[in-house]
Structure formats: structure tokens, C-alpha cells
Amino acid sequence: AYALKNNQRATLIGETTGGGAHGGGPHRL
């Protein structure tokens, strides 16, 4: 959604999204 909105490819309709942007991976503790 963020990419398509910012380069004006799509119109977003609804509510503000959850706000989880950071990627990574699982780590054994």
C-alpha cells in the first residue's frame, strides 16, 4: 500500500494501517 500510494499508482480508501515496517528474521534464544 505504501509503495503504490507514494508513486500515485493507487488510491487508498479506509483506515490508517497498523504500522509495522521493519523486516528481519527469527533467532533461536
PDB file of all heavy atoms in Angstrom:
ATOM      1  N   ALA A   1       0.816  -1.208   0.000  1.00  0.00           N
ATOM      2  CA  ALA A   1       0.000   0.000   0.000  1.00  0.00           C
ATOM      3  C   ALA A   1       0.853   1.264   0.000  1.00  0.00           C
ATOM      4  O   ALA A   1       0.550   2.234  -0.715  1.00  0.00           O
ATOM      5  CB  ALA A   1      -0.928  -0.001   1.219  1.00  0.00           C
ATOM      6  N   TYR A   2       1.919   1.258   0.788  1.00  0.00           N
ATOM      7  CA  TYR A   2       2.780   2.439   0.903  1.00  0.00           C
ATOM      8  C   TYR A   2       3.444   2.775  -0.434  1.00  0.00           C
ATOM      9  O   TYR A   2       3.468   3.937  -0.855  1.00  0.00           O
ATOM     10  CB  TYR A   2       3.840   2.166   1.962  1.00  0.00           C
ATOM     11  CG  TYR A   2       4.586   3.382   2.467  1.00  0.00           C
ATOM     12  CD1 TYR A   2       3.949   4.357   3.226  1.00  0.00           C
ATOM     13  CD2 TYR A   2       5.954   3.532   2.231  1.00  0.00           C
ATOM     14  CE1 TYR A   2       4.637   5.453   3.717  1.00  0.00           C
ATOM     15  CE2 TYR A   2       6.657   4.626   2.721  1.00  0.00           C
ATOM     16  CZ  TYR A   2       5.996   5.586   3.462  1.00  0.00           C
ATOM     17  OH  TYR A   2       6.685   6.672   3.951  1.00  0.00           O
ATOM     18  N   ALA A   3       3.951   1.759  -1.106  1.00  0.00           N
ATOM     19  CA  ALA A   3       4.622   1.989  -2.387  1.00  0.00           C
ATOM     20  C   ALA A   3       3.646   2.480  -3.448  1.00  0.00           C
ATOM     21  O   ALA A   3       3.926   3.432  -4.180  1.00  0.00           O
ATOM     22  CB  ALA A   3       5.311   0.705  -2.846  1.00  0.00           C
ATOM     23  N   LEU A   4       2.477   1.829  -3.543  1.00  0.00           N
ATOM     24  CA  LEU A   4       1.519   2.207  -4.579  1.00  0.00           C
ATOM     25  C   LEU A   4       0.919   3.584  -4.321  1.00  0.00           C
ATOM     26  O   LEU A   4       0.580   4.306  -5.265  1.00  0.00           O
ATOM     27  CB  LEU A   4       0.407   1.156  -4.697  1.00  0.00           C
ATOM     28  CG  LEU A   4       0.664   0.049  -5.734  1.00  0.00           C
ATOM     29  CD1 LEU A   4       1.901  -0.765  -5.381  1.00  0.00           C
ATOM     30  CD2 LEU A   4      -0.558  -0.859  -5.873  1.00  0.00           C
ATOM     31  N   LYS A   5       0.791   3.941  -3.045  1.00  0.00           N
ATOM     32  CA  LYS A   5       0.312   5.287  -2.735  1.00  0.00           C
ATOM     33  C   LYS A   5       1.361   6.333  -3.112  1.00  0.00           C
ATOM     34  O   LYS A   5       1.039   7.342  -3.758  1.00  0.00           O
ATOM     35  CB  LYS A   5      -0.025   5.408  -1.251  1.00  0.00           C
ATOM     36  CG  LYS A   5      -0.414   6.834  -0.851  1.00  0.00           C
ATOM     37  CD  LYS A   5      -0.564   7.012   0.641  1.00  0.00           C
ATOM     38  CE  LYS A   5      -0.856   8.495   0.949  1.00  0.00           C
ATOM     39  NZ  LYS A   5      -1.055   8.753   2.384  1.00  0.00           N
ATOM     40  N   ASN A   6       2.610   6.107  -2.708  1.00  0.00           N
ATOM     41  CA  ASN A   6       3.642   7.119  -2.883  1.00  0.00           C
ATOM     42  C   ASN A   6       3.970   7.398  -4.338  1.00  0.00           C
ATOM     43  O   ASN A   6       4.308   8.535  -4.684  1.00  0.00           O
ATOM     44  CB  ASN A   6       4.910   6.708  -2.131  1.00  0.00           C
ATOM     45  CG  ASN A   6       4.755   6.845  -0.635  1.00  0.00           C
ATOM     46  OD1 ASN A   6       3.970   7.655  -0.150  1.00  0.00           O
ATOM     47  ND2 ASN A   6       5.500   6.047   0.119  1.00  0.00           N
ATOM     48  N   ASN A   7       3.886   6.369  -5.201  1.00  0.00           N
ATOM     49  CA  ASN A   7       4.148   6.658  -6.616  1.00  0.00           C
ATOM     50  C   ASN A   7       2.855   6.849  -7.394  1.00  0.00           C
ATOM     51  O   ASN A   7       2.844   6.776  -8.623  1.00  0.00           O
ATOM     52  CB  ASN A   7       5.049   5.594  -7.265  1.00  0.00           C
ATOM     53  CG  ASN A   7       4.480   4.203  -7.152  1.00  0.00           C
ATOM     54  OD1 ASN A   7       3.267   4.005  -7.230  1.00  0.00           O
ATOM     55  ND2 ASN A   7       5.351   3.217  -6.972  1.00  0.00           N
ATOM     56  N   GLN A   8       1.767   7.112  -6.658  1.00  0.00           N
ATOM     57  CA  GLN A   8       0.480   7.517  -7.211  1.00  0.00           C
ATOM     58  C   GLN A   8      -0.111   6.499  -8.187  1.00  0.00           C
ATOM     59  O   GLN A   8      -0.801   6.870  -9.132  1.00  0.00           O
ATOM     60  CB  GLN A   8       0.600   8.898  -7.881  1.00  0.00           C
ATOM     61  CG  GLN A   8       1.063   9.979  -6.920  1.00  0.00           C
ATOM     62  CD  GLN A   8       1.142  11.345  -7.571  1.00  0.00           C
ATOM     63  OE1 GLN A   8       1.211  11.474  -8.788  1.00  0.00           O
ATOM     64  NE2 GLN A   8       1.155  12.380  -6.750  1.00  0.00           N
ATOM     65  N   ARG A   9       0.140   5.215  -7.900  1.00  0.00           N
ATOM     66  CA  ARG A   9      -0.456   4.180  -8.738  1.00  0.00           C
ATOM     67  C   ARG A   9      -1.830   3.775  -8.239  1.00  0.00           C
ATOM     68  O   ARG A   9      -2.657   3.293  -9.013  1.00  0.00           O
ATOM     69  CB  ARG A   9       0.461   2.934  -8.785  1.00  0.00           C
ATOM     70  CG  ARG A   9      -0.113   1.795  -9.614  1.00  0.00           C
ATOM     71  CD  ARG A   9      -0.338   2.237 -11.057  1.00  0.00           C
ATOM     72  NE  ARG A   9      -1.124   1.275 -11.827  1.00  0.00           N
ATOM     73  CZ  ARG A   9      -2.443   1.379 -12.060  1.00  0.00           C
ATOM     74  NH1 ARG A   9      -3.130   2.391 -11.521  1.00  0.00           N
ATOM     75  NH2 ARG A   9      -3.071   0.495 -12.782  1.00  0.00           N
ATOM     76  N   ALA A  10      -2.115   3.937  -6.954  1.00  0.00           N
ATOM     77  CA  ALA A  10      -3.391   3.510  -6.402  1.00  0.00           C
ATOM     78  C   ALA A  10      -3.934   4.561  -5.444  1.00  0.00           C
ATOM     79  O   ALA A  10      -3.183   5.346  -4.869  1.00  0.00           O
ATOM     80  CB  ALA A  10      -3.233   2.174  -5.668  1.00  0.00           C
ATOM     81  N   THR A  11      -5.252   4.544  -5.284  1.00  0.00           N
ATOM     82  CA  THR A  11      -5.927   5.380  -4.309  1.00  0.00           C
ATOM     83  C   THR A  11      -6.281   4.515  -3.106  1.00  0.00           C
ATOM     84  O   THR A  11      -6.937   3.475  -3.259  1.00  0.00           O
ATOM     85  CB  THR A  11      -7.207   5.988  -4.895  1.00  0.00           C
ATOM     86  OG1 THR A  11      -6.872   6.803  -6.031  1.00  0.00           O
ATOM     87  CG2 THR A  11      -7.932   6.834  -3.860  1.00  0.00           C
ATOM     88  N   LEU A  12      -5.839   4.909  -1.919  1.00  0.00           N
ATOM     89  CA  LEU A  12      -6.108   4.149  -0.705  1.00  0.00           C
ATOM     90  C   LEU A  12      -7.369   4.672  -0.034  1.00  0.00           C
ATOM     91  O   LEU A  12      -7.513   5.888   0.183  1.00  0.00           O
ATOM     92  CB  LEU A  12      -4.931   4.245   0.263  1.00  0.00           C
ATOM     93  CG  LEU A  12      -3.782   3.242   0.076  1.00  0.00           C
ATOM     94  CD1 LEU A  12      -3.149   3.369  -1.297  1.00  0.00           C
ATOM     95  CD2 LEU A  12      -2.745   3.400   1.166  1.00  0.00           C
ATOM     96  N   ILE A  13      -8.276   3.763   0.304  1.00  0.00           N
ATOM     97  CA  ILE A  13      -9.554   4.125   0.912  1.00  0.00           C
ATOM     98  C   ILE A  13      -9.740   3.275   2.167  1.00  0.00           C
ATOM     99  O   ILE A  13      -9.635   2.052   2.110  1.00  0.00           O
ATOM    100  CB  ILE A  13     -10.719   3.897  -0.069  1.00  0.00           C
ATOM    101  CG1 ILE A  13     -10.531   4.760  -1.327  1.00  0.00           C
ATOM    102  CG2 ILE A  13     -12.060   4.192   0.597  1.00  0.00           C
ATOM    103  CD1 ILE A  13     -11.590   4.529  -2.394  1.00  0.00           C
ATOM    104  N   GLY A  14     -10.011   3.922   3.293  1.00  0.00           N
ATOM    105  CA  GLY A  14     -10.231   3.166   4.526  1.00  0.00           C
ATOM    106  C   GLY A  14      -9.581   3.812   5.722  1.00  0.00           C
ATOM    107  O   GLY A  14      -9.654   5.025   5.914  1.00  0.00           O
ATOM    108  N   GLU A  15      -8.919   2.984   6.531  1.00  0.00           N
ATOM    109  CA  GLU A  15      -8.320   3.421   7.786  1.00  0.00           C
ATOM    110  C   GLU A  15      -6.792   3.414   7.711  1.00  0.00           C
ATOM    111  O   GLU A  15      -6.211   2.722   6.863  1.00  0.00           O
ATOM    112  CB  GLU A  15      -8.757   2.482   8.919  1.00  0.00           C
ATOM    113  CG  GLU A  15     -10.251   2.409   9.116  1.00  0.00           C
ATOM    114  CD  GLU A  15     -10.675   1.310  10.079  1.00  0.00           C
ATOM    115  OE1 GLU A  15      -9.831   0.433  10.393  1.00  0.00           O
ATOM    116  OE2 GLU A  15     -11.836   1.318  10.504  1.00  0.00           O
ATOM    117  N   THR A  16      -6.157   4.163   8.600  1.00  0.00           N
ATOM    118  CA  THR A  16      -4.702   4.115   8.723  1.00  0.00           C
ATOM    119  C   THR A  16      -4.287   2.713   9.160  1.00  0.00           C
ATOM    120  O   THR A  16      -4.907   2.115  10.036  1.00  0.00           O
ATOM    121  CB  THR A  16      -4.216   5.153   9.743  1.00  0.00           C
ATOM    122  OG1 THR A  16      -4.602   6.458   9.293  1.00  0.00           O
ATOM    123  CG2 THR A  16      -2.705   5.102   9.898  1.00  0.00           C
ATOM    124  N   THR A  17      -3.245   2.198   8.551  1.00  0.00           N
ATOM    125  CA  THR A  17      -2.842   0.810   8.769  1.00  0.00           C
ATOM    126  C   THR A  17      -2.085   0.640  10.098  1.00  0.00           C
ATOM    127  O   THR A  17      -1.823   1.603  10.819  1.00  0.00           O
ATOM    128  CB  THR A  17      -1.975   0.314   7.609  1.00  0.00           C
ATOM    129  OG1 THR A  17      -0.772   1.099   7.555  1.00  0.00           O
ATOM    130  CG2 THR A  17      -2.720   0.439   6.277  1.00  0.00           C
ATOM    131  N   GLY A  18      -1.699  -0.614  10.393  1.00  0.00           N
ATOM    132  CA  GLY A  18      -1.169  -0.978  11.711  1.00  0.00           C
ATOM    133  C   GLY A  18       0.188  -0.410  12.075  1.00  0.00           C
ATOM    134  O   GLY A  18       0.491  -0.249  13.257  1.00  0.00           O
ATOM    135  N   GLY A  19       1.046  -0.129  11.108  1.00  0.00           N
ATOM    136  CA  GLY A  19       2.333   0.498  11.410  1.00  0.00           C
ATOM    137  C   GLY A  19       3.473  -0.439  11.744  1.00  0.00           C
ATOM    138  O   GLY A  19       4.263  -0.164  12.644  1.00  0.00           O
ATOM    139  N   GLY A  20       3.601  -1.551  10.994  1.00  0.00           N
ATOM    140  CA  GLY A  20       4.718  -2.479  11.181  1.00  0.00           C
ATOM    141  C   GLY A  20       5.583  -2.554   9.942  1.00  0.00           C
ATOM    142  O   GLY A  20       5.234  -3.231   8.977  1.00  0.00           O
ATOM    143  N   ALA A  21       6.710  -1.861   9.949  1.00  0.00           N
ATOM    144  CA  ALA A  21       7.516  -1.742   8.731  1.00  0.00           C
ATOM    145  C   ALA A  21       8.806  -2.560   8.745  1.00  0.00           C
ATOM    146  O   ALA A  21       9.304  -2.932   7.686  1.00  0.00           O
ATOM    147  CB  ALA A  21       7.876  -0.272   8.484  1.00  0.00           C
ATOM    148  N   HIS A  22       9.355  -2.836   9.915  1.00  0.00           N
ATOM    149  CA  HIS A  22      10.706  -3.391   9.984  1.00  0.00           C
ATOM    150  C   HIS A  22      10.736  -4.885   9.701  1.00  0.00           C
ATOM    151  O   HIS A  22      10.000  -5.653  10.293  1.00  0.00           O
ATOM    152  CB  HIS A  22      11.328  -3.117  11.357  1.00  0.00           C
ATOM    153  CG  HIS A  22      11.483  -1.663  11.632  1.00  0.00           C
ATOM    154  ND1 HIS A  22      11.532  -1.145  12.909  1.00  0.00           N
ATOM    155  CD2 HIS A  22      11.588  -0.605  10.792  1.00  0.00           C
ATOM    156  CE1 HIS A  22      11.681   0.167  12.833  1.00  0.00           C
ATOM    157  NE2 HIS A  22      11.704   0.515  11.569  1.00  0.00           N
ATOM    158  N   GLY A  23      11.607  -5.296   8.805  1.00  0.00           N
ATOM    159  CA  GLY A  23      11.777  -6.701   8.458  1.00  0.00           C
ATOM    160  C   GLY A  23      12.959  -7.315   9.187  1.00  0.00           C
ATOM    161  O   GLY A  23      13.824  -6.622   9.716  1.00  0.00           O
ATOM    162  N   GLY A  24      12.985  -8.629   9.228  1.00  0.00           N
ATOM    163  CA  GLY A  24      14.085  -9.314   9.899  1.00  0.00           C
ATOM    164  C   GLY A  24      13.932 -10.808   9.818  1.00  0.00           C
ATOM    165  O   GLY A  24      13.562 -11.339   8.785  1.00  0.00           O
ATOM    166  N   GLY A  25      14.180 -11.500  10.913  1.00  0.00           N
ATOM    167  CA  GLY A  25      14.098 -12.948  10.896  1.00  0.00           C
ATOM    168  C   GLY A  25      14.070 -13.516  12.306  1.00  0.00           C
ATOM    169  O   GLY A  25      14.347 -12.818  13.286  1.00  0.00           O
ATOM    170  N   PRO A  26      13.739 -14.811  12.438  1.00  0.00           N
ATOM    171  CA  PRO A  26      13.693 -15.454  13.749  1.00  0.00           C
ATOM    172  C   PRO A  26      15.088 -15.809  14.244  1.00  0.00           C
ATOM    173  O   PRO A  26      15.961 -16.172  13.460  1.00  0.00           O
ATOM    174  CB  PRO A  26      12.865 -16.710  13.483  1.00  0.00           C
ATOM    175  CG  PRO A  26      13.139 -17.030  12.054  1.00  0.00           C
ATOM    176  CD  PRO A  26      13.329 -15.719  11.356  1.00  0.00           C
ATOM    177  N   HIS A  27      15.278 -15.695  15.546  1.00  0.00           N
ATOM    178  CA  HIS A  27      16.563 -16.025  16.175  1.00  0.00           C
ATOM    179  C   HIS A  27      16.310 -17.000  17.321  1.00  0.00           C
ATOM    180  O   HIS A  27      15.468 -16.750  18.187  1.00  0.00           O
ATOM    181  CB  HIS A  27      17.235 -14.765  16.727  1.00  0.00           C
ATOM    182  CG  HIS A  27      17.709 -13.811  15.675  1.00  0.00           C
ATOM    183  ND1 HIS A  27      19.014 -13.365  15.625  1.00  0.00           N
ATOM    184  CD2 HIS A  27      17.065 -13.226  14.635  1.00  0.00           C
ATOM    185  CE1 HIS A  27      19.148 -12.535  14.599  1.00  0.00           C
ATOM    186  NE2 HIS A  27      17.963 -12.436  13.986  1.00  0.00           N
ATOM    187  N   ARG A  28      17.068 -18.071  17.345  1.00  0.00           N
ATOM    188  CA  ARG A  28      16.979 -19.033  18.441  1.00  0.00           C
ATOM    189  C   ARG A  28      17.594 -18.414  19.691  1.00  0.00           C
ATOM    190  O   ARG A  28      18.718 -17.892  19.662  1.00  0.00           O
ATOM    191  CB  ARG A  28      17.722 -20.321  18.073  1.00  0.00           C
ATOM    192  CG  ARG A  28      17.694 -21.417  19.156  1.00  0.00           C
ATOM    193  CD  ARG A  28      18.568 -22.583  18.710  1.00  0.00           C
ATOM    194  NE  ARG A  28      18.514 -23.719  19.629  1.00  0.00           N
ATOM    195  CZ  ARG A  28      19.252 -23.840  20.730  1.00  0.00           C
ATOM    196  NH1 ARG A  28      20.103 -22.868  21.061  1.00  0.00           N
ATOM    197  NH2 ARG A  28      19.149 -24.926  21.492  1.00  0.00           N
ATOM    198  N   LEU A  29      16.842 -18.447  20.799  1.00  0.00           N
ATOM    199  CA  LEU A  29      17.334 -17.923  22.065  1.00  0.00           C
ATOM    200  C   LEU A  29      17.892 -19.032  22.942  1.00  0.00           C
ATOM    201  O   LEU A  29      19.028 -18.952  23.419  1.00  0.00           O
ATOM    202  CB  LEU A  29      16.213 -17.191  22.804  1.00  0.00           C
ATOM    203  CG  LEU A  29      15.615 -15.974  22.088  1.00  0.00           C
ATOM    204  CD1 LEU A  29      14.408 -15.451  22.848  1.00  0.00           C
ATOM    205  CD2 LEU A  29      16.659 -14.884  21.914  1.00  0.00           C
TER     206      LEU A  29
END
